[in-house]
């Protein structure tokens, strides 16, 4: 599991020379980051309304890992297992979100492939399925405004998800009294 994480982080580290370029792309697409509450809202409604019932369906609740690898190999340890990996996760978002928008928004089939590819990151099948409409929202922005805007929206939405997950983890741990 640690090896898998090293592999995914390592791929982003190979792109270190492009970091300034990606940050410029984010800045140029910043106006579309204001749309990030839309995909975040879809995720929020899914978590509140759909996650529980969908998690009861055996084929849909399958995950090879049991949690999202993005939070690091020690995600099961709570906030102190996650916190050290947040800076790496944000750095990975800078590169991976751009690549996802560049390659996976060109067609409807690629949007579906993008959503299902998240299963490799350890998320449950039903979570990957909810990413399909979110991917089409990113594709809409990509088609209307271009890759930079879809990238900024994707990056902002992922940032909202990570911040909310961190806050939830802290709240569940009794405000760091784990």
Protein backbone atom coordinates (compact mmCIF):
# COMPACT_ATOMS: atom_id res chain seq x y z
CA UNK A 1 0.00 0.00 0.00
CA UNK A 2 2.83 2.40 0.85
CA UNK A 3 4.44 1.47 -2.49
CA UNK A 4 1.25 2.38 -4.35
CA UNK A 5 1.20 5.77 -2.63
CA UNK A 6 4.88 6.35 -3.41
CA UNK A 7 4.14 5.52 -7.05
CA UNK A 8 1.27 8.03 -7.29
CA UNK A 9 3.14 10.79 -5.46
CA UNK A 10 6.30 10.01 -7.44
CA UNK A 11 4.44 10.54 -10.71
CA UNK A 12 3.49 14.04 -9.55
CA UNK A 13 7.01 14.77 -8.38
CA UNK A 14 8.26 14.04 -11.89
CA UNK A 15 6.21 17.04 -13.00
CA UNK A 16 7.88 19.49 -10.62
CA UNK A 17 9.18 21.58 -13.54
CA UNK A 18 5.61 22.21 -14.65
CA UNK A 19 4.40 23.44 -11.26
CA UNK A 20 4.72 27.15 -12.10
CA UNK A 21 2.91 26.56 -15.37
CA UNK A 22 0.07 24.74 -13.58
CA UNK A 23 -0.22 27.53 -11.01
CA UNK A 24 -0.48 30.05 -13.87
CA UNK A 25 -3.17 27.88 -15.45
CA UNK A 26 -5.04 27.88 -12.14
CA UNK A 27 -4.81 31.66 -11.92
CA UNK A 28 -6.02 32.10 -15.51
CA UNK A 29 -9.02 29.83 -14.90
CA UNK A 30 -9.79 31.23 -11.47
CA UNK A 31 -13.16 32.71 -12.44
CA UNK A 32 -14.53 29.20 -12.95
CA UNK A 33 -13.40 28.11 -9.49
CA UNK A 34 -16.54 29.90 -8.31
CA UNK A 35 -18.51 27.00 -9.79
CA UNK A 36 -16.77 24.52 -7.45
CA UNK A 37 -19.68 24.53 -4.98
CA UNK A 38 -21.78 22.77 -7.66
CA UNK A 39 -19.75 19.54 -7.80
CA UNK A 40 -19.07 19.85 -4.07
CA UNK A 41 -22.83 20.14 -3.50
CA UNK A 42 -23.42 16.97 -5.52
CA UNK A 43 -20.86 15.17 -3.34
CA UNK A 44 -22.43 16.59 -0.18
CA UNK A 45 -25.95 15.48 -1.14
CA UNK A 46 -24.56 12.06 -2.08
CA UNK A 47 -22.81 11.71 1.29
CA UNK A 48 -25.89 12.82 3.25
CA UNK A 49 -28.58 11.03 1.26
CA UNK A 50 -27.05 8.32 -0.91
CA UNK A 51 -23.92 6.95 0.72
CA UNK A 52 -25.65 4.93 3.47
CA UNK A 53 -28.23 3.17 1.29
CA UNK A 54 -25.79 2.58 -1.56
CA UNK A 55 -23.22 1.20 0.87
CA UNK A 56 -25.70 -1.58 1.73
CA UNK A 57 -25.57 -2.94 -1.83
CA UNK A 58 -22.70 -5.46 -1.91
CA UNK A 59 -21.43 -4.89 -5.45
CA UNK A 60 -21.63 -1.10 -5.11
CA UNK A 61 -19.81 -0.92 -1.77
CA UNK A 62 -16.77 -2.82 -3.04
CA UNK A 63 -13.41 -1.15 -2.67
CA UNK A 64 -10.05 -2.82 -3.01
CA UNK A 65 -8.67 -0.65 -0.23
CA UNK A 66 -11.58 0.46 1.93
CA UNK A 67 -10.71 4.16 1.74
CA UNK A 68 -9.32 6.70 -0.69
CA UNK A 69 -5.55 6.23 -1.10
CA UNK A 70 -5.22 9.99 -1.61
CA UNK A 71 -5.22 10.40 2.17
CA UNK A 72 -2.11 8.29 2.45
CA UNK A 73 -1.28 4.81 3.59
CA UNK A 74 -2.10 5.65 7.21
CA UNK A 75 -5.62 6.99 6.67
CA UNK A 76 -6.97 4.41 9.10
CA UNK A 77 -5.00 6.08 11.89
CA UNK A 78 -7.28 9.12 11.99
CA UNK A 79 -6.30 12.75 11.68
CA UNK A 80 -2.64 12.19 12.59
CA UNK A 81 -2.39 9.55 9.86
CA UNK A 82 -3.91 11.90 7.29
CA UNK A 83 -2.49 15.31 8.16
CA UNK A 84 1.10 14.68 7.03
CA UNK A 85 -0.16 13.72 3.57
CA UNK A 86 -2.32 16.80 2.94
CA UNK A 87 0.51 18.94 1.48
CA UNK A 88 1.41 16.08 -0.88
CA UNK A 89 -2.24 15.68 -1.80
CA UNK A 90 -2.58 19.38 -2.67
CA UNK A 91 0.63 19.20 -4.71
CA UNK A 92 -0.73 16.13 -6.52
CA UNK A 93 -3.99 17.98 -7.24
CA UNK A 94 -2.00 20.75 -8.93
CA UNK A 95 -0.74 18.28 -11.50
CA UNK A 96 -3.24 15.44 -11.60
CA UNK A 97 -6.31 17.66 -11.89
CA UNK A 98 -4.79 19.42 -14.89
CA UNK A 99 -3.95 16.12 -16.58
CA UNK A 100 -7.43 14.78 -15.84
CA UNK A 101 -9.04 17.82 -17.43
CA UNK A 102 -6.68 17.79 -20.39
CA UNK A 103 -7.27 14.13 -21.29
CA UNK A 104 -10.57 13.03 -19.77
CA UNK A 105 -12.92 15.81 -20.92
CA UNK A 106 -12.52 15.29 -24.66
CA UNK A 107 -15.46 12.87 -24.94
CA UNK A 108 -18.32 11.41 -22.93
CA UNK A 109 -16.62 8.00 -22.90
CA UNK A 110 -13.50 9.55 -21.40
CA UNK A 111 -15.59 11.24 -18.67
CA UNK A 112 -17.01 7.84 -17.69
CA UNK A 113 -13.53 6.28 -17.82
CA UNK A 114 -12.24 9.09 -15.57
CA UNK A 115 -14.94 8.43 -12.99
CA UNK A 116 -14.38 4.68 -12.95
CA UNK A 117 -10.61 5.11 -12.83
CA UNK A 118 -11.08 6.49 -9.32
CA UNK A 119 -11.79 2.92 -8.20
CA UNK A 120 -8.04 2.33 -8.59
CA UNK A 121 -7.56 4.99 -5.90
CA UNK A 122 -9.54 2.87 -3.46
CA UNK A 123 -12.92 4.60 -3.54
CA UNK A 124 -16.07 2.50 -3.51
CA UNK A 125 -17.89 1.69 -6.75
CA UNK A 126 -20.93 3.80 -5.80
CA UNK A 127 -18.66 6.77 -5.14
CA UNK A 128 -17.09 6.37 -8.57
CA UNK A 129 -20.57 6.31 -10.11
CA UNK A 130 -21.48 9.63 -8.49
CA UNK A 131 -18.39 11.13 -10.12
CA UNK A 132 -19.91 10.59 -13.58
CA UNK A 133 -22.35 13.56 -13.42
CA UNK A 134 -19.62 15.64 -11.77
CA UNK A 135 -17.30 14.75 -14.65
CA UNK A 136 -19.94 15.92 -17.12
CA UNK A 137 -20.14 19.21 -15.26
CA UNK A 138 -16.36 19.58 -15.61
CA UNK A 139 -16.71 18.64 -19.30
CA UNK A 140 -19.35 21.36 -19.75
CA UNK A 141 -16.94 23.99 -18.38
CA UNK A 142 -14.12 22.45 -20.49
CA UNK A 143 -16.26 22.72 -23.64
CA UNK A 144 -17.44 26.28 -22.89
CA UNK A 145 -14.31 27.87 -21.42
CA UNK A 146 -11.37 25.53 -21.95
CA UNK A 147 -9.03 23.36 -19.95
CA UNK A 148 -7.78 26.07 -17.57
CA UNK A 149 -11.27 26.83 -16.34
CA UNK A 150 -12.24 23.18 -15.93
CA UNK A 151 -8.93 22.62 -14.13
CA UNK A 152 -9.50 25.52 -11.72
CA UNK A 153 -13.01 24.31 -10.97
CA UNK A 154 -11.80 20.73 -10.44
CA UNK A 155 -8.94 21.87 -8.20
CA UNK A 156 -11.26 24.06 -6.12
CA UNK A 157 -13.88 21.30 -5.80
CA UNK A 158 -11.24 18.80 -4.67
CA UNK A 159 -9.92 21.34 -2.18
CA UNK A 160 -13.42 21.77 -0.75
CA UNK A 161 -13.80 17.99 -0.43
CA UNK A 162 -10.45 17.60 1.32
CA UNK A 163 -11.10 20.48 3.73
CA UNK A 164 -14.55 19.09 4.60
CA UNK A 165 -13.12 15.58 5.12
CA UNK A 166 -10.39 16.96 7.35
CA UNK A 167 -12.91 18.95 9.39
CA UNK A 168 -15.16 15.91 9.68
CA UNK A 169 -12.24 13.75 10.80
CA UNK A 170 -11.24 16.34 13.40
CA UNK A 171 -14.83 16.63 14.63
CA UNK A 172 -15.19 12.85 14.88
CA UNK A 173 -11.95 12.60 16.82
CA UNK A 174 -13.28 14.98 19.43
CA UNK A 175 -11.27 17.96 18.23
CA UNK A 176 -7.87 16.29 18.20
CA UNK A 177 -8.45 14.42 21.45
CA UNK A 178 -8.10 11.10 19.63
